[in-house]
Structures are given as structure tokens and as C-alpha cells.
Amino acid sequence: MAITLRELTRDTWEECIDLDVAEHQRYFVSSNLVSLAEAQFYPGTVCRAVYSDEVMVGFVMYGPDMEYAPEEQGAYAFVRLMIDRKYQRKGYGRAAIAAVIEAIRNIPDSRVLYTSYVPENTQAGQLYAVMGFHPTGRELDGELIVRLPLRS
């Protein structure tokens, strides 16, 4: 499966905000519109559309960590993963996470990647565990924080 993370443009941002999760998942992730607005206030935040070939299937957002472990050198945060309801359960989420991990590993000062998920979103927890993330035992705003070392 060929997944690419692409910059949003004047021609693609509206398509991105039209992507949506299933009704029962809306509590788990902010809308892409809210995410794009939020990103404007966090320096270094990267927003990317997730593509399978030429089809936009989702959205990711990541950047320097400012909340999970702000004192830790080389910490980055994967703050948003959203795959449109039409494309879920096809491996795109796993492929998007792998692409984000690779993008952050390519940042010279990166040492560790954090993310979090709502405890009721057991699928996300299982997916992050399969991708190598480990529980920290901490929470932020009711979400469980997990950590992935990027360098030995």
C-alpha cells in the first residue's frame, strides 16, 4: 500500500475538512477544520493530508512536543490521526502512523515521539501498541499518553 503525506494547498484544504469519521468516533478526534485552526497557534506544527495513490483518505498533524513532556529534549508529538470513515479498516491508519514516524525520524534532533488517545478508543490503543508505542502511565486531558523512542 503506497501512502504519502502531502502538504495541504489552496486546492486541497476544503477536501480535507470534508473528510469525516464515523458518528461514534467523533468524541475521539477533533474535526480537521478545528485541527487546521489549532495548528496556527503552535509553532512548528505540520499538517498533512494522507493519500493513497491520488485519493485523499485522511489527515495527520504533528510537531515539536509542547504538552506531553515539554522538558524532554528531542520530543515530538503526533497530535492527530484521522482516516475518513469510507477508508477505515483497510490499513491506512497503520500506514499513516508509519509515515509520520518516518517523517519525524528524519528530523535531526528527534529522539522520542508521544501521542495520546481516549481510553474508550481501544482500537487506537491497540494500533499504537502494535506500532511500538508504550504506555507512560500518565494522562493529559483525560487521554492516555504513549511514547515511542526514535533513537537508541
Protein backbone atom coordinates (compact mmCIF):
# COMPACT_ATOMS: atom_id res chain seq x y z
CA MET A 1 0.00 0.00 0.00
CA ALA A 2 1.51 3.31 -1.10
CA ILE A 3 0.65 6.05 1.37
CA THR A 4 2.02 9.57 1.07
CA LEU A 5 1.71 12.57 3.35
CA ARG A 6 1.15 15.72 1.31
CA GLU A 7 1.03 19.38 2.14
CA LEU A 8 -2.40 20.92 2.11
CA THR A 9 -2.86 23.60 -0.51
CA ARG A 10 -5.40 26.17 -1.56
CA ASP A 11 -6.80 23.47 -3.85
CA THR A 12 -6.97 20.65 -1.28
CA TRP A 13 -7.79 22.09 2.15
CA GLU A 14 -11.56 22.03 1.57
CA GLU A 15 -11.45 18.37 0.57
CA CYS A 16 -9.55 17.71 3.79
CA ILE A 17 -12.13 19.41 6.02
CA ASP A 18 -14.88 17.41 4.31
CA LEU A 19 -13.31 14.13 5.48
CA ASP A 20 -15.15 12.70 8.48
CA VAL A 21 -15.05 9.82 10.92
CA ALA A 22 -17.98 7.58 11.85
CA GLU A 23 -20.55 9.10 14.20
CA HIS A 24 -19.41 7.02 17.19
CA GLN A 25 -15.79 8.22 16.68
CA ARG A 26 -16.44 11.96 16.84
CA TYR A 27 -15.64 12.01 20.56
CA PHE A 28 -12.20 10.53 19.83
CA VAL A 29 -10.77 13.13 17.42
CA SER A 30 -11.25 16.80 16.61
CA SER A 31 -12.52 17.74 13.17
CA ASN A 32 -9.92 18.54 10.54
CA LEU A 33 -11.18 22.13 10.42
CA VAL A 34 -10.55 22.54 14.15
CA SER A 35 -7.14 20.87 13.77
CA LEU A 36 -6.11 23.23 10.96
CA ALA A 37 -7.17 26.24 13.02
CA GLU A 38 -5.39 24.91 16.13
CA ALA A 39 -2.17 24.37 14.19
CA GLN A 40 -1.90 28.11 13.53
CA PHE A 41 -1.12 28.70 17.21
CA TYR A 42 1.58 26.05 17.72
CA PRO A 43 4.94 26.87 16.09
CA GLY A 44 6.42 24.04 14.06
CA THR A 45 3.16 22.13 13.70
CA VAL A 46 2.91 20.13 10.48
CA CYS A 47 -0.47 19.28 8.91
CA ARG A 48 -0.58 16.74 6.10
CA ALA A 49 -3.25 15.05 4.04
CA VAL A 50 -2.92 11.27 3.86
CA TYR A 51 -3.14 9.97 0.30
CA SER A 52 -3.48 6.51 -1.12
CA ASP A 53 -2.24 7.00 -4.66
CA GLU A 54 -4.23 10.10 -5.71
CA VAL A 55 -7.12 9.71 -3.24
CA MET A 56 -7.15 11.72 -0.01
CA VAL A 57 -8.07 9.26 2.74
CA GLY A 58 -7.14 11.11 5.92
CA PHE A 59 -5.27 13.77 7.85
CA VAL A 60 -2.36 13.89 10.30
CA MET A 61 -0.86 16.61 12.48
CA TYR A 62 2.45 16.53 14.34
CA GLY A 63 5.23 18.77 15.59
CA PRO A 64 7.54 19.63 18.47
CA ASP A 65 6.10 18.42 21.76
CA MET A 66 4.73 21.18 23.94
CA GLU A 67 2.37 19.23 26.17
CA TYR A 68 3.27 15.57 26.74
CA ALA A 69 6.83 16.06 28.02
CA PRO A 70 7.84 19.67 27.26
CA GLU A 71 11.06 19.40 29.27
CA GLU A 72 12.35 16.41 27.25
CA GLN A 73 14.92 17.23 24.57
CA GLY A 74 14.07 15.98 21.07
CA ALA A 75 10.45 15.17 21.94
CA TYR A 76 7.82 15.35 19.20
CA ALA A 77 4.08 14.92 19.36
CA PHE A 78 1.76 13.12 16.97
CA VAL A 79 -1.39 15.01 17.85
CA ARG A 80 -3.88 13.99 15.19
CA LEU A 81 -4.65 10.91 13.13
CA MET A 82 -7.87 10.88 11.19
CA ILE A 83 -8.88 8.41 8.48
CA ASP A 84 -12.17 9.08 6.70
CA ARG A 85 -14.95 6.60 7.56
CA LYS A 86 -15.03 5.31 3.95
CA TYR A 87 -11.38 4.24 4.16
CA GLN A 88 -11.18 2.78 7.66
CA ARG A 89 -10.25 -0.84 8.37
CA LYS A 90 -8.11 -1.02 5.22
CA GLY A 91 -4.67 -0.44 6.77
CA TYR A 92 -4.46 3.28 6.04
CA GLY A 93 -4.21 4.26 9.72
CA ARG A 94 -1.27 1.95 10.32
CA ALA A 95 0.43 3.15 7.11
CA ALA A 96 -0.17 6.80 8.05
CA ILE A 97 1.36 6.25 11.51
CA ALA A 98 4.40 4.59 9.91
CA ALA A 99 4.77 7.55 7.52
CA VAL A 100 4.60 10.04 10.41
CA ILE A 101 7.16 8.06 12.42
CA GLU A 102 9.48 8.07 9.40
CA ALA A 103 8.99 11.82 8.83
CA ILE A 104 9.83 12.58 12.46
CA ARG A 105 12.82 10.19 12.48
CA ASN A 106 14.18 12.28 9.59
CA ILE A 107 14.24 15.39 11.81
CA PRO A 108 17.84 15.50 13.10
CA ASP A 109 17.05 16.41 16.73
CA SER A 110 14.15 13.96 17.17
CA ARG A 111 14.59 11.46 19.99
CA VAL A 112 11.10 10.39 21.07
CA LEU A 113 7.53 10.57 19.77
CA TYR A 114 4.49 10.97 22.00
CA THR A 115 0.81 10.62 21.25
CA SER A 116 -2.36 10.08 23.22
CA TYR A 117 -5.77 8.56 22.82
CA VAL A 118 -9.12 8.48 24.58
CA PRO A 119 -9.22 5.35 26.82
CA GLU A 120 -12.52 4.23 25.27
CA ASN A 121 -10.82 4.14 21.86
CA THR A 122 -9.37 0.68 22.40
CA GLN A 123 -8.66 0.25 18.67
CA ALA A 124 -6.31 3.26 18.77
CA GLY A 125 -4.58 1.89 21.86
CA GLN A 126 -4.04 -1.48 20.19
CA LEU A 127 -2.81 0.14 16.98
CA TYR A 128 -0.29 2.34 18.81
CA ALA A 129 0.95 -0.70 20.77
CA VAL A 130 1.46 -2.66 17.53
CA MET A 131 3.40 0.31 16.15
CA GLY A 132 5.79 0.19 19.12
CA PHE A 133 4.36 2.86 21.44
CA HIS A 134 4.49 2.13 25.18
CA PRO A 135 2.25 3.49 27.95
CA THR A 136 3.76 6.23 30.09
CA GLY A 137 1.26 5.83 32.92
CA ARG A 138 0.33 9.49 32.51
CA GLU A 139 -2.76 11.25 31.16
CA LEU A 140 -3.42 14.61 29.56
CA ASP A 141 -6.94 15.99 29.38
CA GLY A 142 -8.32 12.50 30.06
CA GLU A 143 -6.27 10.86 27.30
CA LEU A 144 -3.68 8.13 27.84
CA ILE A 145 -0.17 9.17 26.80
CA VAL A 146 2.05 6.70 24.94
CA ARG A 147 5.70 7.02 23.93
CA LEU A 148 7.89 5.70 21.11
CA PRO A 149 11.69 6.03 21.36
CA LEU A 150 13.13 7.02 17.96
CA ARG A 151 16.85 6.61 18.67
CA SER A 152 18.84 4.23 20.84
